[in-house]
PDB file of N, CA and C in Angstrom:
ATOM      1  N   MET A   1     -22.456 -73.659   1.532  1.00  0.00           N
ATOM      2  CA  MET A   1     -20.964 -73.541   2.109  1.00  0.00           C
ATOM      3  C   MET A   1     -20.855 -72.017   2.876  1.00  0.00           C
ATOM      4  N   ARG A   2     -19.956 -72.156   4.272  1.00  0.00           N
ATOM      5  CA  ARG A   2     -19.889 -71.592   4.736  1.00  0.00           C
ATOM      6  C   ARG A   2     -18.462 -70.712   5.318  1.00  0.00           C
ATOM      7  N   TYR A   3     -18.306 -69.515   4.907  1.00  0.00           N
ATOM      8  CA  TYR A   3     -17.108 -69.196   5.695  1.00  0.00           C
ATOM      9  C   TYR A   3     -16.528 -68.033   6.679  1.00  0.00           C
ATOM     10  N   SER A   4     -15.070 -67.667   7.073  1.00  0.00           N
ATOM     11  CA  SER A   4     -14.784 -66.828   7.939  1.00  0.00           C
ATOM     12  C   SER A   4     -15.168 -65.614   7.460  1.00  0.00           C
ATOM     13  N   ALA A   5     -15.817 -64.668   8.478  1.00  0.00           N
ATOM     14  CA  ALA A   5     -15.916 -63.228   7.759  1.00  0.00           C
ATOM     15  C   ALA A   5     -15.461 -62.294   8.896  1.00  0.00           C
ATOM     16  N   SER A   6     -15.415 -61.321   8.517  1.00  0.00           N
ATOM     17  CA  SER A   6     -14.713 -60.116   9.593  1.00  0.00           C
ATOM     18  C   SER A   6     -15.494 -58.749   8.720  1.00  0.00           C
ATOM     19  N   VAL A   7     -16.926 -58.152   9.312  1.00  0.00           N
ATOM     20  CA  VAL A   7     -17.107 -56.846   9.048  1.00  0.00           C
ATOM     21  C   VAL A   7     -16.331 -55.462   9.701  1.00  0.00           C
ATOM     22  N   GLN A   8     -16.684 -54.825   9.098  1.00  0.00           N
ATOM     23  CA  GLN A   8     -16.240 -53.234   9.313  1.00  0.00           C
ATOM     24  C   GLN A   8     -16.898 -52.080   9.439  1.00  0.00           C
ATOM     25  N   THR A   9     -17.489 -51.962  10.954  1.00  0.00           N
ATOM     26  CA  THR A   9     -18.507 -50.520  10.572  1.00  0.00           C
ATOM     27  C   THR A   9     -17.673 -49.032  11.277  1.00  0.00           C
ATOM     28  N   ASP A  10     -18.625 -48.190  11.116  1.00  0.00           N
ATOM     29  CA  ASP A  10     -18.172 -47.000  11.747  1.00  0.00           C
ATOM     30  C   ASP A  10     -17.868 -47.404  13.114  1.00  0.00           C
ATOM     31  N   ASP A  11     -18.436 -48.331  14.402  1.00  0.00           N
ATOM     32  CA  ASP A  11     -18.401 -48.428  15.288  1.00  0.00           C
ATOM     33  C   ASP A  11     -17.169 -49.562  15.276  1.00  0.00           C
ATOM     34  N   GLY A  12     -17.015 -49.962  14.442  1.00  0.00           N
ATOM     35  CA  GLY A  12     -15.625 -51.238  14.754  1.00  0.00           C
ATOM     36  C   GLY A  12     -15.986 -52.318  14.049  1.00  0.00           C
ATOM     37  N   ALA A  13     -15.413 -53.555  14.483  1.00  0.00           N
ATOM     38  CA  ALA A  13     -14.546 -54.526  13.889  1.00  0.00           C
ATOM     39  C   ALA A  13     -15.577 -55.603  14.394  1.00  0.00           C
ATOM     40  N   ALA A  14     -16.189 -56.877  13.430  1.00  0.00           N
ATOM     41  CA  ALA A  14     -16.251 -58.141  14.298  1.00  0.00           C
ATOM     42  C   ALA A  14     -16.284 -59.375  13.309  1.00  0.00           C
ATOM     43  N   GLU A  15     -16.770 -60.328  13.892  1.00  0.00           N
ATOM     44  CA  GLU A  15     -16.131 -61.357  13.604  1.00  0.00           C
ATOM     45  C   GLU A  15     -17.798 -62.719  13.348  1.00  0.00           C
ATOM     46  N   GLY A  16     -17.809 -62.766  12.543  1.00  0.00           N
ATOM     47  CA  GLY A  16     -19.167 -63.675  11.858  1.00  0.00           C
ATOM     48  C   GLY A  16     -18.449 -65.217  10.736  1.00  0.00           C
ATOM     49  N   ILE A  17     -19.687 -65.244  10.258  1.00  0.00           N
ATOM     50  CA  ILE A  17     -19.218 -66.676  10.152  1.00  0.00           C
ATOM     51  C   ILE A  17     -20.515 -66.600   9.068  1.00  0.00           C
ATOM     52  N   LEU A  18     -20.457 -66.257   7.642  1.00  0.00           N
ATOM     53  CA  LEU A  18     -20.779 -66.203   5.995  1.00  0.00           C
ATOM     54  C   LEU A  18     -21.866 -67.119   5.818  1.00  0.00           C
ATOM     55  N   PHE A  19     -22.912 -67.249   5.367  1.00  0.00           N
ATOM     56  CA  PHE A  19     -23.652 -68.451   4.872  1.00  0.00           C
ATOM     57  C   PHE A  19     -24.283 -67.946   3.176  1.00  0.00           C
ATOM     58  N   ASP A  20     -24.958 -68.594   2.353  1.00  0.00           N
ATOM     59  CA  ASP A  20     -26.108 -68.074   1.513  1.00  0.00           C
ATOM     60  C   ASP A  20     -25.248 -67.470   0.649  1.00  0.00           C
ATOM     61  N   LEU A  21     -24.428 -67.434   0.296  1.00  0.00           N
ATOM     62  CA  LEU A  21     -23.621 -66.679  -0.286  1.00  0.00           C
ATOM     63  C   LEU A  21     -24.201 -66.230  -1.802  1.00  0.00           C
ATOM     64  N   SER A  22     -24.650 -64.875  -2.160  1.00  0.00           N
ATOM     65  CA  SER A  22     -24.608 -65.413  -4.091  1.00  0.00           C
ATOM     66  C   SER A  22     -23.811 -63.848  -4.310  1.00  0.00           C
ATOM     67  N   ALA A  23     -24.123 -63.908  -5.733  1.00  0.00           N
ATOM     68  CA  ALA A  23     -23.213 -62.570  -6.245  1.00  0.00           C
ATOM     69  C   ALA A  23     -23.646 -61.026  -6.146  1.00  0.00           C
ATOM     70  N   THR A  24     -24.816 -61.016  -4.883  1.00  0.00           N
ATOM     71  CA  THR A  24     -25.630 -59.482  -4.833  1.00  0.00           C
ATOM     72  C   THR A  24     -25.343 -59.669  -2.933  1.00  0.00           C
ATOM     73  N   GLY A  25     -25.119 -60.942  -2.928  1.00  0.00           N
ATOM     74  CA  GLY A  25     -25.410 -60.599  -0.630  1.00  0.00           C
ATOM     75  C   GLY A  25     -24.909 -61.700  -0.153  1.00  0.00           C
ATOM     76  N   CYS A  26     -25.388 -61.956   1.058  1.00  0.00           N
ATOM     77  CA  CYS A  26     -25.160 -62.984   1.755  1.00  0.00           C
ATOM     78  C   CYS A  26     -26.134 -62.907   3.331  1.00  0.00           C
ATOM     79  N   ARG A  27     -25.730 -64.297   4.096  1.00  0.00           N
ATOM     80  CA  ARG A  27     -26.243 -63.522   5.336  1.00  0.00           C
ATOM     81  C   ARG A  27     -25.241 -64.370   6.458  1.00  0.00           C
ATOM     82  N   ILE A  28     -25.261 -63.397   7.290  1.00  0.00           N
ATOM     83  CA  ILE A  28     -23.796 -63.471   8.400  1.00  0.00           C
ATOM     84  C   ILE A  28     -24.952 -63.622   9.461  1.00  0.00           C
ATOM     85  N   GLN A  29     -23.655 -64.732  10.418  1.00  0.00           N
ATOM     86  CA  GLN A  29     -24.029 -65.105  11.853  1.00  0.00           C
ATOM     87  C   GLN A  29     -23.059 -64.011  12.904  1.00  0.00           C
ATOM     88  N   SER A  30     -23.438 -63.274  13.489  1.00  0.00           N
ATOM     89  CA  SER A  30     -22.398 -62.268  13.923  1.00  0.00           C
ATOM     90  C   SER A  30     -23.257 -61.845  15.704  1.00  0.00           C
ATOM     91  N   ASN A  31     -22.466 -61.863  16.473  1.00  0.00           N
ATOM     92  CA  ASN A  31     -22.709 -60.930  17.708  1.00  0.00           C
ATOM     93  C   ASN A  31     -22.683 -59.685  17.196  1.00  0.00           C
ATOM     94  N   ALA A  32     -22.332 -59.282  15.941  1.00  0.00           N
ATOM     95  CA  ALA A  32     -22.096 -57.493  15.399  1.00  0.00           C
ATOM     96  C   ALA A  32     -23.385 -56.724  16.039  1.00  0.00           C
ATOM     97  N   ALA A  33     -23.596 -55.624  16.690  1.00  0.00           N
ATOM     98  CA  ALA A  33     -24.767 -54.742  16.489  1.00  0.00           C
ATOM     99  C   ALA A  33     -24.760 -54.124  15.565  1.00  0.00           C
ATOM    100  N   LEU A  34     -25.629 -54.808  14.690  1.00  0.00           N
ATOM    101  CA  LEU A  34     -26.225 -54.146  13.654  1.00  0.00           C
ATOM    102  C   LEU A  34     -27.805 -54.367  13.155  1.00  0.00           C
ATOM    103  N   THR A  35     -27.927 -53.476  13.131  1.00  0.00           N
ATOM    104  CA  THR A  35     -29.141 -52.804  12.341  1.00  0.00           C
ATOM    105  C   THR A  35     -29.631 -52.944  11.127  1.00  0.00           C
ATOM    106  N   PRO A  36     -30.778 -52.863  10.487  1.00  0.00           N
ATOM    107  CA  PRO A  36     -31.121 -52.337   9.067  1.00  0.00           C
ATOM    108  C   PRO A  36     -30.773 -51.305   8.527  1.00  0.00           C
ATOM    109  N   GLY A  37     -30.189 -51.162   7.440  1.00  0.00           N
ATOM    110  CA  GLY A  37     -29.907 -50.284   7.267  1.00  0.00           C
ATOM    111  C   GLY A  37     -28.465 -49.216   7.521  1.00  0.00           C
ATOM    112  N   ASN A  38     -27.734 -50.118   8.617  1.00  0.00           N
ATOM    113  CA  ASN A  38     -26.393 -49.615   8.361  1.00  0.00           C
ATOM    114  C   ASN A  38     -25.404 -50.254   7.874  1.00  0.00           C
ATOM    115  N   TYR A  39     -24.507 -49.590   7.061  1.00  0.00           N
ATOM    116  CA  TYR A  39     -23.448 -49.861   6.058  1.00  0.00           C
ATOM    117  C   TYR A  39     -21.851 -50.320   7.220  1.00  0.00           C
ATOM    118  N   LEU A  40     -21.654 -51.204   5.392  1.00  0.00           N
ATOM    119  CA  LEU A  40     -20.438 -51.941   6.468  1.00  0.00           C
ATOM    120  C   LEU A  40     -19.297 -52.373   5.108  1.00  0.00           C
ATOM    121  N   ALA A  41     -18.481 -52.651   5.523  1.00  0.00           N
ATOM    122  CA  ALA A  41     -17.320 -53.527   4.752  1.00  0.00           C
ATOM    123  C   ALA A  41     -17.120 -54.723   5.453  1.00  0.00           C
ATOM    124  N   LEU A  42     -16.842 -55.724   3.889  1.00  0.00           N
ATOM    125  CA  LEU A  42     -17.015 -57.247   4.393  1.00  0.00           C
ATOM    126  C   LEU A  42     -15.690 -58.014   3.637  1.00  0.00           C
ATOM    127  N   HIS A  43     -15.089 -58.462   4.387  1.00  0.00           N
ATOM    128  CA  HIS A  43     -14.102 -59.513   3.725  1.00  0.00           C
ATOM    129  C   HIS A  43     -14.441 -61.058   4.520  1.00  0.00           C
ATOM    130  N   PHE A  44     -13.980 -62.165   3.606  1.00  0.00           N
ATOM    131  CA  PHE A  44     -14.103 -63.110   3.881  1.00  0.00           C
ATOM    132  C   PHE A  44     -13.069 -63.971   2.969  1.00  0.00           C
ATOM    133  N   GLU A  45     -12.659 -65.207   3.856  1.00  0.00           N
ATOM    134  CA  GLU A  45     -11.701 -66.334   3.302  1.00  0.00           C
ATOM    135  C   GLU A  45     -12.426 -67.197   2.386  1.00  0.00           C
ATOM    136  N   ALA A  46     -12.499 -67.666   1.016  1.00  0.00           N
ATOM    137  CA  ALA A  46     -12.853 -68.699   0.593  1.00  0.00           C
ATOM    138  C   ALA A  46     -11.461 -69.546   0.126  1.00  0.00           C
ATOM    139  N   PRO A  47     -11.603 -70.909   1.059  1.00  0.00           N
ATOM    140  CA  PRO A  47     -10.557 -71.984   0.525  1.00  0.00           C
ATOM    141  C   PRO A  47     -10.402 -71.736  -0.926  1.00  0.00           C
ATOM    142  N   GLU A  48     -11.373 -72.224  -1.962  1.00  0.00           N
ATOM    143  CA  GLU A  48     -11.414 -72.390  -3.293  1.00  0.00           C
ATOM    144  C   GLU A  48     -10.887 -71.111  -3.825  1.00  0.00           C
ATOM    145  N   ALA A  49     -10.796 -69.707  -3.139  1.00  0.00           N
ATOM    146  CA  ALA A  49     -10.462 -68.364  -3.754  1.00  0.00           C
ATOM    147  C   ALA A  49      -9.207 -68.687  -3.786  1.00  0.00           C
ATOM    148  N   GLU A  50      -8.103 -67.809  -4.358  1.00  0.00           N
ATOM    149  CA  GLU A  50      -6.662 -67.406  -4.212  1.00  0.00           C
ATOM    150  C   GLU A  50      -6.543 -66.731  -3.023  1.00  0.00           C
ATOM    151  N   SER A  51      -7.132 -65.533  -2.748  1.00  0.00           N
ATOM    152  CA  SER A  51      -6.838 -64.988  -1.592  1.00  0.00           C
ATOM    153  C   SER A  51      -8.298 -64.096  -1.286  1.00  0.00           C
ATOM    154  N   SER A  52      -8.371 -63.515  -0.332  1.00  0.00           N
ATOM    155  CA  SER A  52      -9.632 -62.975   0.555  1.00  0.00           C
ATOM    156  C   SER A  52     -10.147 -62.633  -0.823  1.00  0.00           C
ATOM    157  N   LEU A  53     -11.510 -62.073  -0.038  1.00  0.00           N
ATOM    158  CA  LEU A  53     -12.331 -61.687  -1.353  1.00  0.00           C
ATOM    159  C   LEU A  53     -13.335 -60.161  -0.466  1.00  0.00           C
ATOM    160  N   ALA A  54     -13.542 -58.831  -0.568  1.00  0.00           N
ATOM    161  CA  ALA A  54     -13.930 -57.957  -0.450  1.00  0.00           C
ATOM    162  C   ALA A  54     -15.224 -57.285  -1.076  1.00  0.00           C
ATOM    163  N   VAL A  55     -15.881 -56.923   0.509  1.00  0.00           N
ATOM    164  CA  VAL A  55     -17.029 -56.476  -0.562  1.00  0.00           C
ATOM    165  C   VAL A  55     -17.001 -54.698   0.166  1.00  0.00           C
ATOM    166  N   GLU A  56     -16.419 -53.486  -0.240  1.00  0.00           N
ATOM    167  CA  GLU A  56     -16.026 -52.736   0.176  1.00  0.00           C
ATOM    168  C   GLU A  56     -17.362 -51.516   1.137  1.00  0.00           C
ATOM    169  N   VAL A  57     -18.727 -51.552   0.064  1.00  0.00           N
ATOM    170  CA  VAL A  57     -19.941 -51.247   0.863  1.00  0.00           C
ATOM    171  C   VAL A  57     -20.952 -52.256   0.827  1.00  0.00           C
ATOM    172  N   SER A  58     -21.222 -52.258   2.174  1.00  0.00           N
ATOM    173  CA  SER A  58     -22.283 -53.497   1.687  1.00  0.00           C
ATOM    174  C   SER A  58     -23.777 -52.703   3.024  1.00  0.00           C
ATOM    175  N   ILE A  59     -24.861 -52.839   3.125  1.00  0.00           N
ATOM    176  CA  ILE A  59     -25.703 -52.456   3.671  1.00  0.00           C
ATOM    177  C   ILE A  59     -26.539 -53.734   3.910  1.00  0.00           C
ATOM    178  N   VAL A  60     -26.938 -53.466   5.556  1.00  0.00           N
ATOM    179  CA  VAL A  60     -27.730 -54.988   6.157  1.00  0.00           C
ATOM    180  C   VAL A  60     -29.194 -54.569   5.817  1.00  0.00           C
ATOM    181  N   ARG A  61     -29.508 -55.618   5.703  1.00  0.00           N
ATOM    182  CA  ARG A  61     -31.089 -55.201   4.988  1.00  0.00           C
ATOM    183  C   ARG A  61     -32.308 -56.106   5.932  1.00  0.00           C
ATOM    184  N   TRP A  62     -32.110 -56.991   7.054  1.00  0.00           N
ATOM    185  CA  TRP A  62     -32.933 -57.480   7.701  1.00  0.00           C
ATOM    186  C   TRP A  62     -31.945 -57.847   8.839  1.00  0.00           C
ATOM    187  N   HIS A  63     -32.568 -58.007  10.086  1.00  0.00           N
ATOM    188  CA  HIS A  63     -31.918 -58.974  11.132  1.00  0.00           C
ATOM    189  C   HIS A  63     -32.394 -59.785  11.888  1.00  0.00           C
ATOM    190  N   LYS A  64     -32.190 -60.623  12.116  1.00  0.00           N
ATOM    191  CA  LYS A  64     -33.398 -61.588  13.003  1.00  0.00           C
ATOM    192  C   LYS A  64     -32.453 -62.488  13.956  1.00  0.00           C
ATOM    193  N   ASP A  65     -32.257 -62.236  15.243  1.00  0.00           N
ATOM    194  CA  ASP A  65     -31.254 -63.045  16.634  1.00  0.00           C
ATOM    195  C   ASP A  65     -30.383 -62.209  15.969  1.00  0.00           C
ATOM    196  N   ASN A  66     -29.115 -63.176  15.945  1.00  0.00           N
ATOM    197  CA  ASN A  66     -27.853 -63.010  15.699  1.00  0.00           C
ATOM    198  C   ASN A  66     -27.548 -63.179  14.447  1.00  0.00           C
ATOM    199  N   GLN A  67     -28.219 -63.025  13.128  1.00  0.00           N
ATOM    200  CA  GLN A  67     -28.282 -63.002  11.981  1.00  0.00           C
ATOM    201  C   GLN A  67     -28.362 -61.836  11.127  1.00  0.00           C
ATOM    202  N   PHE A  68     -28.130 -61.556  10.059  1.00  0.00           N
ATOM    203  CA  PHE A  68     -28.561 -60.631   9.111  1.00  0.00           C
ATOM    204  C   PHE A  68     -27.921 -60.811   7.971  1.00  0.00           C
ATOM    205  N   GLY A  69     -29.169 -60.184   7.337  1.00  0.00           N
ATOM    206  CA  GLY A  69     -29.151 -60.096   5.844  1.00  0.00           C
ATOM    207  C   GLY A  69     -28.147 -59.081   4.890  1.00  0.00           C
ATOM    208  N   ILE A  70     -27.006 -59.517   4.307  1.00  0.00           N
ATOM    209  CA  ILE A  70     -26.788 -58.207   3.844  1.00  0.00           C
ATOM    210  C   ILE A  70     -26.593 -58.265   2.195  1.00  0.00           C
ATOM    211  N   GLU A  71     -26.812 -57.002   1.825  1.00  0.00           N
ATOM    212  CA  GLU A  71     -26.995 -56.231   0.416  1.00  0.00           C
ATOM    213  C   GLU A  71     -25.417 -55.721   0.016  1.00  0.00           C
ATOM    214  N   PHE A  72     -24.714 -56.184  -1.086  1.00  0.00           N
ATOM    215  CA  PHE A  72     -23.470 -56.405  -1.753  1.00  0.00           C
ATOM    216  C   PHE A  72     -23.935 -54.760  -2.193  1.00  0.00           C
ATOM    217  N   LEU A  73     -23.042 -53.852  -2.070  1.00  0.00           N
ATOM    218  CA  LEU A  73     -23.340 -52.528  -3.039  1.00  0.00           C
ATOM    219  C   LEU A  73     -22.387 -51.576  -3.788  1.00  0.00           C
ATOM    220  N   ARG A  74     -21.199 -51.902  -3.346  1.00  0.00           N
ATOM    221  CA  ARG A  74     -19.752 -51.723  -4.262  1.00  0.00           C
ATOM    222  C   ARG A  74     -18.384 -52.939  -3.792  1.00  0.00           C
ATOM    223  N   TYR A  75     -18.097 -53.110  -4.538  1.00  0.00           N
ATOM    224  CA  TYR A  75     -16.879 -54.753  -4.890  1.00  0.00           C
ATOM    225  C   TYR A  75     -15.919 -53.815  -4.485  1.00  0.00           C
ATOM    226  N   ALA A  76     -14.980 -54.541  -3.752  1.00  0.00           N
ATOM    227  CA  ALA A  76     -13.301 -54.435  -3.784  1.00  0.00           C
ATOM    228  C   ALA A  76     -12.759 -54.621  -5.418  1.00  0.00           C
ATOM    229  N   GLN A  77     -11.962 -53.976  -6.337  1.00  0.00           N
ATOM    230  CA  GLN A  77     -11.689 -54.371  -7.234  1.00  0.00           C
ATOM    231  C   GLN A  77     -11.087 -56.169  -7.052  1.00  0.00           C
ATOM    232  N   ASN A  78     -11.152 -56.462  -8.535  1.00  0.00           N
ATOM    233  CA  ASN A  78     -12.275 -57.696  -9.322  1.00  0.00           C
ATOM    234  C   ASN A  78     -12.891 -58.587  -8.316  1.00  0.00           C
ATOM    235  N   SER A  79     -13.224 -57.973  -6.894  1.00  0.00           N
ATOM    236  CA  SER A  79     -13.991 -59.307  -6.639  1.00  0.00           C
ATOM    237  C   SER A  79     -15.547 -59.818  -6.734  1.00  0.00           C
ATOM    238  N   ARG A  80     -16.239 -58.846  -7.678  1.00  0.00           N
ATOM    239  CA  ARG A  80     -17.147 -59.265  -7.543  1.00  0.00           C
ATOM    240  C   ARG A  80     -17.272 -60.320  -8.796  1.00  0.00           C
ATOM    241  N   GLU A  81     -16.328 -60.071  -9.561  1.00  0.00           N
ATOM    242  CA  GLU A  81     -16.159 -61.452 -10.476  1.00  0.00           C
ATOM    243  C   GLU A  81     -15.600 -62.318 -10.137  1.00  0.00           C
ATOM    244  N   ARG A  82     -14.831 -62.565  -9.530  1.00  0.00           N
ATOM    245  CA  ARG A  82     -14.492 -63.929  -8.417  1.00  0.00           C
ATOM    246  C   ARG A  82     -15.496 -64.130  -6.963  1.00  0.00           C
ATOM    247  N   ILE A  83     -16.552 -63.211  -6.857  1.00  0.00           N
ATOM    248  CA  ILE A  83     -17.303 -63.856  -5.883  1.00  0.00           C
ATOM    249  C   ILE A  83     -18.759 -64.644  -6.914  1.00  0.00           C
ATOM    250  N   THR A  84     -18.496 -64.155  -7.861  1.00  0.00           N
ATOM    251  CA  THR A  84     -19.766 -65.185  -9.054  1.00  0.00           C
ATOM    252  C   THR A  84     -18.944 -66.220  -9.199  1.00  0.00           C
ATOM    253  N   ASP A  85     -17.650 -65.609  -9.418  1.00  0.00           N
ATOM    254  CA  ASP A  85     -16.906 -67.243 -10.100  1.00  0.00           C
ATOM    255  C   ASP A  85     -17.034 -68.780  -9.166  1.00  0.00           C
ATOM    256  N   LEU A  86     -17.191 -67.857  -7.749  1.00  0.00           N
ATOM    257  CA  LEU A  86     -16.964 -68.924  -6.654  1.00  0.00           C
ATOM    258  C   LEU A  86     -18.409 -69.258  -6.449  1.00  0.00           C
ATOM    259  N   VAL A  87     -19.606 -68.471  -6.784  1.00  0.00           N
ATOM    260  CA  VAL A  87     -21.129 -68.803  -6.374  1.00  0.00           C
ATOM    261  C   VAL A  87     -21.264 -69.880  -7.371  1.00  0.00           C
ATOM    262  N   GLU A  88     -20.838 -69.295  -8.773  1.00  0.00           N
ATOM    263  CA  GLU A  88     -21.090 -70.602  -9.838  1.00  0.00           C
ATOM    264  C   GLU A  88     -20.190 -71.856 -10.305  1.00  0.00           C
ATOM    265  N   GLY A  89     -19.764 -72.048  -9.167  1.00  0.00           N
ATOM    266  CA  GLY A  89     -18.466 -72.611  -9.088  1.00  0.00           C
ATOM    267  C   GLY A  89     -17.448 -73.074 -10.093  1.00  0.00           C
ATOM    268  N   ARG A  90     -17.188 -72.123 -10.928  1.00  0.00           N
ATOM    269  CA  ARG A  90     -16.017 -71.388 -11.835  1.00  0.00           C
ATOM    270  C   ARG A  90     -14.358 -71.570 -10.848  1.00  0.00           C
ATOM    271  N   VAL A  91     -14.345 -71.199  -9.969  1.00  0.00           N
ATOM    272  CA  VAL A  91     -13.118 -71.204  -8.950  1.00  0.00           C
ATOM    273  C   VAL A  91     -12.660 -72.525  -8.864  1.00  0.00           C
ATOM    274  N   GLN A  92     -12.016 -72.880  -9.582  1.00  0.00           N
ATOM    275  CA  GLN A  92     -10.976 -74.484  -9.096  1.00  0.00           C
ATOM    276  C   GLN A  92     -10.210 -74.213  -8.060  1.00  0.00           C
ATOM    277  N   SER A  93     -10.175 -74.965  -7.073  1.00  0.00           N
ATOM    278  CA  SER A  93      -9.642 -75.246  -5.522  1.00  0.00           C
ATOM    279  C   SER A  93      -8.128 -75.420  -6.394  1.00  0.00           C
ATOM    280  N   VAL A  94      -6.715 -74.732  -5.452  1.00  0.00           N
ATOM    281  CA  VAL A  94      -5.833 -75.144  -5.681  1.00  0.00           C
ATOM    282  C   VAL A  94      -5.860 -77.329  -5.717  1.00  0.00           C
ATOM    283  N   ALA A  95      -5.658 -77.500  -4.706  1.00  0.00           N
ATOM    284  CA  ALA A  95      -6.105 -78.963  -4.903  1.00  0.00           C
ATOM    285  C   ALA A  95      -6.837 -79.752  -5.938  1.00  0.00           C
ATOM    286  N   SER A  96      -7.385 -79.424  -6.318  1.00  0.00           N
ATOM    287  CA  SER A  96      -7.642 -79.789  -7.251  1.00  0.00           C
ATOM    288  C   SER A  96      -7.237 -79.718  -8.929  1.00  0.00           C
ATOM    289  N   HIS A  97      -6.354 -78.698  -8.832  1.00  0.00           N
ATOM    290  CA  HIS A  97      -5.594 -78.455 -10.035  1.00  0.00           C
ATOM    291  C   HIS A  97      -4.365 -79.041  -9.852  1.00  0.00           C
ATOM    292  N   LEU A  98      -4.118 -79.348  -8.685  1.00  0.00           N
ATOM    293  CA  LEU A  98      -2.676 -79.777  -8.232  1.00  0.00           C
ATOM    294  C   LEU A  98      -2.756 -81.631  -8.949  1.00  0.00           C
ATOM    295  N   VAL A  99      -3.748 -82.029  -8.474  1.00  0.00           N
ATOM    296  CA  VAL A  99      -4.271 -83.666  -8.987  1.00  0.00           C
ATOM    297  C   VAL A  99      -4.594 -83.526 -10.456  1.00  0.00           C
ATOM    298  N   GLY A 100      -5.092 -82.415 -11.120  1.00  0.00           N
ATOM    299  CA  GLY A 100      -5.117 -82.345 -12.649  1.00  0.00           C
ATOM    300  C   GLY A 100      -3.580 -82.490 -13.080  1.00  0.00           C
ATOM    301  N   GLU A 101      -2.968 -81.936 -12.421  1.00  0.00           N
ATOM    302  CA  GLU A 101      -1.717 -81.647 -13.186  1.00  0.00           C
ATOM    303  C   GLU A 101      -0.701 -83.284 -12.989  1.00  0.00           C
ATOM    304  N   GLU A 102      -0.977 -83.780 -12.143  1.00  0.00           N
ATOM    305  CA  GLU A 102      -0.625 -84.768 -11.701  1.00  0.00           C
ATOM    306  C   GLU A 102      -0.858 -85.795 -12.567  1.00  0.00           C
ATOM    307  N   GLU A 103      -2.458 -86.092 -13.086  1.00  0.00           N
ATOM    308  CA  GLU A 103      -2.936 -86.948 -13.753  1.00  0.00           C
ATOM    309  C   GLU A 103      -2.397 -86.783 -14.991  1.00  0.00           C
ATOM    310  N   LEU A 104      -2.511 -86.042 -15.450  1.00  0.00           N
ATOM    311  CA  LEU A 104      -1.494 -85.292 -16.314  1.00  0.00           C
ATOM    312  C   LEU A 104      -0.304 -85.698 -16.752  1.00  0.00           C
ATOM    313  N   VAL A 105       0.817 -85.801 -15.996  1.00  0.00           N
ATOM    314  CA  VAL A 105       1.939 -86.435 -15.968  1.00  0.00           C
ATOM    315  C   VAL A 105       2.153 -88.089 -15.731  1.00  0.00           C
ATOM    316  N   LEU A 106       1.077 -88.072 -15.008  1.00  0.00           N
ATOM    317  CA  LEU A 106       0.782 -89.720 -14.812  1.00  0.00           C
ATOM    318  C   LEU A 106       0.473 -90.331 -16.357  1.00  0.00           C
ATOM    319  N   SER A 107      -0.733 -89.399 -17.114  1.00  0.00           N
ATOM    320  CA  SER A 107      -0.609 -89.720 -18.059  1.00  0.00           C
ATOM    321  C   SER A 107       0.206 -90.188 -19.189  1.00  0.00           C
ATOM    322  N   ALA A 108       0.782 -88.927 -18.985  1.00  0.00           N
ATOM    323  CA  ALA A 108       1.978 -88.750 -20.332  1.00  0.00           C
ATOM    324  C   ALA A 108       3.390 -90.020 -19.690  1.00  0.00           C
ATOM    325  N   VAL A 109       3.532 -90.248 -18.820  1.00  0.00           N
ATOM    326  CA  VAL A 109       4.719 -91.481 -18.383  1.00  0.00           C
ATOM    327  C   VAL A 109       3.761 -92.930 -18.661  1.00  0.00           C
ATOM    328  N   ALA A 110       2.345 -92.749 -18.604  1.00  0.00           N
ATOM    329  CA  ALA A 110       1.806 -94.427 -18.897  1.00  0.00           C
ATOM    330  C   ALA A 110       1.723 -93.843 -20.844  1.00  0.00           C
ATOM    331  N   ALA A 111       1.739 -93.507 -21.559  1.00  0.00           N
ATOM    332  CA  ALA A 111       1.718 -93.362 -22.641  1.00  0.00           C
ATOM    333  C   ALA A 111       2.928 -93.783 -23.715  1.00  0.00           C
TER     334      ALA A 111
END
């Protein structure tokens, strides 16, 4: 999966694309001027999640071309659990939740 992401460093903000999300890190593609050892804050939008997800403190572990390996160090409130749920497929999208409710209503009418 890929997600739109924004990174904030002491030098400013940049946009990017987040790939390879895990509970402890990710890969980001961006034109940001980051090098291994840089700290950053990360925010990203996942359509499956109800609101944006945030990692307050992350560190760049590797850099190649315009891609960066990011390790999550300190999560925003509830973000660690929400990211883990997203990675493990436990987040139910709003669309699938609504479809489930419609099926329930249709089943009740048909019975």
